[in-house]
C-alpha atoms as a PDB file:
ATOM      1  CA  MET A   1     108.911 108.277 116.402  1.00  0.00           C
ATOM      2  CA  GLU A   2     105.255 106.446 117.982  1.00  0.00           C
ATOM      3  CA  GLU A   3     102.651 105.919 115.781  1.00  0.00           C
ATOM      4  CA  ARG A   4     101.206 108.160 117.984  1.00  0.00           C
ATOM      5  CA  ASP A   5     103.016 111.196 116.560  1.00  0.00           C
ATOM      6  CA  PHE A   6     102.366 110.798 113.004  1.00  0.00           C
ATOM      7  CA  PHE A   7      98.274 110.425 113.100  1.00  0.00           C
ATOM      8  CA  ASP A   8      95.431 113.156 114.773  1.00  0.00           C
ATOM      9  CA  GLU A   9      93.525 111.183 117.327  1.00  0.00           C
ATOM     10  CA  ARG A  10      89.229 112.136 118.534  1.00  0.00           C
ATOM     11  CA  PRO A  11      86.751 110.290 119.301  1.00  0.00           C
ATOM     12  CA  GLU A  12      82.781 109.233 117.195  1.00  0.00           C
ATOM     13  CA  GLN A  13      79.918 108.053 118.003  1.00  0.00           C
ATOM     14  CA  ARG A  14      78.449 106.350 115.041  1.00  0.00           C
ATOM     15  CA  THR A  15      75.391 104.581 114.515  1.00  0.00           C
ATOM     16  CA  HIS A  16      74.713 100.406 114.053  1.00  0.00           C
ATOM     17  CA  GLN A  17      71.963  98.384 113.222  1.00  0.00           C
ATOM     18  CA  LEU A  18      72.038  95.455 115.588  1.00  0.00           C
ATOM     19  CA  THR A  19      69.911  92.342 116.650  1.00  0.00           C
ATOM     20  CA  CYS A  20      69.995  91.398 119.986  1.00  0.00           C
ATOM     21  CA  PRO A  21      70.546  87.828 121.177  1.00  0.00           C
ATOM     22  CA  HIS A  22      67.989  87.572 123.310  1.00  0.00           C
ATOM     23  CA  CYS A  23      64.676  88.943 122.563  1.00  0.00           C
ATOM     24  CA  ARG A  24      65.879  89.595 117.836  1.00  0.00           C
ATOM     25  CA  GLN A  25      65.146  92.582 118.026  1.00  0.00           C
ATOM     26  CA  THR A  26      67.208  95.173 115.167  1.00  0.00           C
ATOM     27  CA  MET A  27      67.564  98.932 116.358  1.00  0.00           C
ATOM     28  CA  ASP A  28      70.231 101.183 116.359  1.00  0.00           C
ATOM     29  CA  TYR A  29      72.845 101.399 118.602  1.00  0.00           C
ATOM     30  CA  GLU A  30      75.842 103.962 119.052  1.00  0.00           C
ATOM     31  CA  ILE A  31      78.996 102.770 119.072  1.00  0.00           C
ATOM     32  CA  SER A  32      82.173 104.510 120.202  1.00  0.00           C
ATOM     33  CA  TRP A  33      85.567 104.723 117.860  1.00  0.00           C
ATOM     34  CA  ILE A  34      88.247 105.910 117.936  1.00  0.00           C
ATOM     35  CA  VAL A  35      89.338 107.737 115.036  1.00  0.00           C
ATOM     36  CA  ARG A  36      92.942 108.004 113.429  1.00  0.00           C
ATOM     37  CA  ARG A  37      93.466 110.191 111.134  1.00  0.00           C
ATOM     38  CA  LYS A  38      97.031 110.161 109.519  1.00  0.00           C
ATOM     39  CA  LYS A  39      98.709 113.503 108.919  1.00  0.00           C
ATOM     40  CA  ASN A  40      98.923 116.353 106.386  1.00  0.00           C
ATOM     41  CA  GLN A  41     103.088 116.069 106.761  1.00  0.00           C
ATOM     42  CA  ILE A  42     105.671 114.040 108.829  1.00  0.00           C
ATOM     43  CA  PRO A  43     106.596 115.359 112.675  1.00  0.00           C
ATOM     44  CA  ARG A  44     110.104 117.177 112.384  1.00  0.00           C
ATOM     45  CA  GLY A  45     112.899 115.143 113.722  1.00  0.00           C
ATOM     46  CA  ALA A  46     112.168 111.960 111.927  1.00  0.00           C
ATOM     47  CA  ASP A  47     114.647 109.754 110.648  1.00  0.00           C
ATOM     48  CA  GLU A  48     114.163 107.943 107.319  1.00  0.00           C
ATOM     49  CA  ARG A  49     113.030 104.989 108.861  1.00  0.00           C
ATOM     50  CA  ASP A  50     110.259 106.495 110.327  1.00  0.00           C
ATOM     51  CA  ARG A  51     109.299 108.595 106.931  1.00  0.00           C
ATOM     52  CA  ALA A  52     108.872 104.742 105.380  1.00  0.00           C
ATOM     53  CA  ARG A  53     106.913 104.107 108.597  1.00  0.00           C
ATOM     54  CA  PHE A  54     104.516 107.367 107.987  1.00  0.00           C
ATOM     55  CA  ALA A  55     104.238 106.626 103.910  1.00  0.00           C
ATOM     56  CA  LYS A  56     102.090 103.488 104.784  1.00  0.00           C
ATOM     57  CA  ALA A  57     100.180 104.841 107.303  1.00  0.00           C
ATOM     58  CA  GLN A  58      96.999 104.642 106.568  1.00  0.00           C
ATOM     59  CA  SER A  59      94.085 106.452 107.944  1.00  0.00           C
ATOM     60  CA  TYR A  60      91.626 104.272 110.574  1.00  0.00           C
ATOM     61  CA  MET A  61      89.163 103.651 112.981  1.00  0.00           C
ATOM     62  CA  VAL A  62      89.321 101.464 116.444  1.00  0.00           C
ATOM     63  CA  ARG A  63      85.964 100.235 118.145  1.00  0.00           C
ATOM     64  CA  ARG A  64      85.981 100.949 121.874  1.00  0.00           C
ATOM     65  CA  ASP A  65      82.806  99.342 122.869  1.00  0.00           C
ATOM     66  CA  ASP A  66      82.589  95.643 123.310  1.00  0.00           C
ATOM     67  CA  LEU A  67      79.244  95.712 125.584  1.00  0.00           C
ATOM     68  CA  VAL A  68      75.366  97.935 123.978  1.00  0.00           C
ATOM     69  CA  GLY A  69      72.216  97.350 126.104  1.00  0.00           C
ATOM     70  CA  CYS A  70      69.839  96.103 124.513  1.00  0.00           C
ATOM     71  CA  LYS A  71      67.111  99.120 123.907  1.00  0.00           C
ATOM     72  CA  ASN A  72      64.082  96.839 124.724  1.00  0.00           C
ATOM     73  CA  VAL A  73      62.466  98.141 127.897  1.00  0.00           C
ATOM     74  CA  ARG A  74      61.235  94.520 127.963  1.00  0.00           C
ATOM     75  CA  CYS A  75      65.273  93.099 127.891  1.00  0.00           C
ATOM     76  CA  ARG A  76      67.512  95.562 128.860  1.00  0.00           C
ATOM     77  CA  LYS A  77      70.149  92.966 128.300  1.00  0.00           C
ATOM     78  CA  ARG A  78      74.031  93.573 127.567  1.00  0.00           C
ATOM     79  CA  PHE A  79      75.447  91.710 124.918  1.00  0.00           C
ATOM     80  CA  ASP A  80      78.833  91.579 122.654  1.00  0.00           C
ATOM     81  CA  VAL A  81      78.800  93.562 119.391  1.00  0.00           C
ATOM     82  CA  ALA A  82      80.213  90.513 116.910  1.00  0.00           C
ATOM     83  CA  GLY A  83      79.177  91.895 113.919  1.00  0.00           C
ATOM     84  CA  ILE A  84      81.016  94.607 113.440  1.00  0.00           C
ATOM     85  CA  GLN A  85      84.225  94.788 112.701  1.00  0.00           C
ATOM     86  CA  SER A  86      86.993  95.929 116.164  1.00  0.00           C
ATOM     87  CA  VAL A  87      89.301  97.691 112.987  1.00  0.00           C
ATOM     88  CA  ALA A  88      88.456  99.839 109.931  1.00  0.00           C
ATOM     89  CA  PHE A  89      90.436 101.535 107.662  1.00  0.00           C
ATOM     90  CA  LEU A  90      88.688 104.089 106.234  1.00  0.00           C
END
């Protein structure tokens, strides 16, 4: 079995406060995440090794956006989302 079989996956938007490195303005930005929540029961056809992996599995989020555009009208430059982890456990 693959890891994908243990989780329900859906996209989600979360708001984070980021500072543009070019114009130094702090604003709220919508960042896309893929939320993977652990299923309630192990899928059918799992062997002992899969059961052990399922017991250790945790729900987590993976960040989809690496760059965001500055919301300042005068700046509008794209910058890297460096202050936020790329994987976060729920």
